[in-house]
Protein backbone atom coordinates (compact mmCIF):
# COMPACT_ATOMS: atom_id res chain seq x y z
CA MET A 1 171.23 108.87 101.69
CA THR A 2 174.27 107.20 103.04
CA MET A 3 174.54 104.52 104.78
CA GLN A 4 176.89 103.70 107.40
CA LEU A 5 178.79 99.75 106.93
CA ILE A 6 181.99 99.16 109.01
CA LYS A 7 183.56 101.95 111.58
CA GLY A 8 185.64 101.02 114.43
CA GLU A 9 188.68 99.15 115.77
CA PHE A 10 189.00 95.42 114.76
CA PRO A 11 192.37 93.21 115.39
CA ALA A 12 193.91 92.41 111.55
CA SER A 13 192.68 89.65 111.26
CA ASP A 14 189.03 90.45 112.00
CA ALA A 15 189.50 93.24 109.84
CA ILE A 16 191.26 91.40 107.00
CA GLU A 17 187.92 88.31 107.41
CA LEU A 18 185.72 91.58 107.49
CA VAL A 19 186.83 93.72 104.27
CA SER A 20 187.62 89.33 102.22
CA GLN A 21 183.74 88.28 102.81
CA LEU A 22 182.83 92.11 101.24
CA VAL A 23 184.64 91.79 98.18
CA GLN A 24 183.51 87.85 97.87
CA VAL A 25 180.25 89.47 97.92
CA LYS A 26 181.17 92.17 95.13
CA ILE A 27 182.82 89.41 93.04
CA LYS A 28 179.95 87.23 93.35
CA TYR A 29 177.62 89.54 91.92
CA HIS A 30 179.65 90.33 88.73
CA GLU A 31 180.10 86.10 88.68
CA GLN A 32 176.49 85.96 88.80
CA LYS A 33 175.77 88.86 86.22
CA ILE A 34 177.92 87.49 83.46
CA SER A 35 175.83 85.48 81.84
CA ASN A 36 175.32 83.71 77.30
CA GLN A 37 173.31 86.51 76.49
CA MET A 38 175.99 88.72 77.26
CA ASN A 39 178.30 90.21 74.26
CA GLU A 40 181.84 89.78 74.98
CA GLU A 41 183.29 93.30 75.63
CA ASP A 42 180.44 92.97 78.91
CA ILE A 43 181.68 89.61 80.07
CA LYS A 44 185.14 90.93 79.93
CA SER A 45 184.40 94.34 81.93
CA ARG A 46 182.91 91.96 84.31
CA GLU A 47 185.62 90.29 84.50
CA LYS A 48 188.40 92.72 84.44
CA LYS A 49 186.05 94.63 87.97
CA ILE A 50 187.46 90.81 89.52
CA LYS A 51 190.10 90.63 88.67
CA LYS A 52 190.91 94.60 89.67
CA LEU A 53 188.43 93.33 93.24
CA GLN A 54 191.14 90.67 93.91
CA GLU A 55 194.03 92.49 93.02
CA ASP A 56 192.95 95.43 95.25
CA LEU A 57 192.27 92.97 97.84
CA SER A 58 195.59 91.14 97.62
CA GLU A 59 197.32 94.28 98.29
CA LEU A 60 194.80 95.25 101.24
CA LYS A 61 195.71 92.18 103.20
CA PHE A 62 199.06 93.05 102.86
CA PHE A 63 199.03 96.74 104.03
CA ILE A 64 196.96 95.57 107.14
CA GLY A 65 199.44 92.61 107.95
CA SER A 66 201.63 95.17 108.34
CA ILE A 67 199.90 97.37 110.57
CA PRO A 68 200.37 96.48 114.63
CA GLY A 69 197.76 96.40 116.49
CA SER A 70 194.31 96.77 115.40
CA VAL A 71 192.94 99.12 112.72
CA ALA A 72 190.15 101.53 112.12
CA MET A 73 187.80 101.27 109.51
CA ILE A 74 185.16 103.24 108.53
CA SER A 75 182.91 102.45 105.39
CA HIS A 76 180.00 104.09 104.17
CA VAL A 77 178.05 103.56 101.01
CA ASN A 78 176.46 106.91 99.13
CA ILE A 79 173.32 106.91 97.23
CA GLY A 80 172.78 110.39 95.66
């Protein structure tokens, strides 16, 4: 099954805001999953995922900011 999350043309500022909010939700998910009961390896894994999301978002913001005009975006969730 596929669910379409995003499809359209957006001004760069709107595209950055939309992607930033999606990434923040995923970061919050990982933060909430970190608990005192987790072993150190699992905590480090989640922290690594959070750092990667933050780095990717930073790169994406720079990339989108370099595009003149609107930005075309498409995003799907595939479950199978």
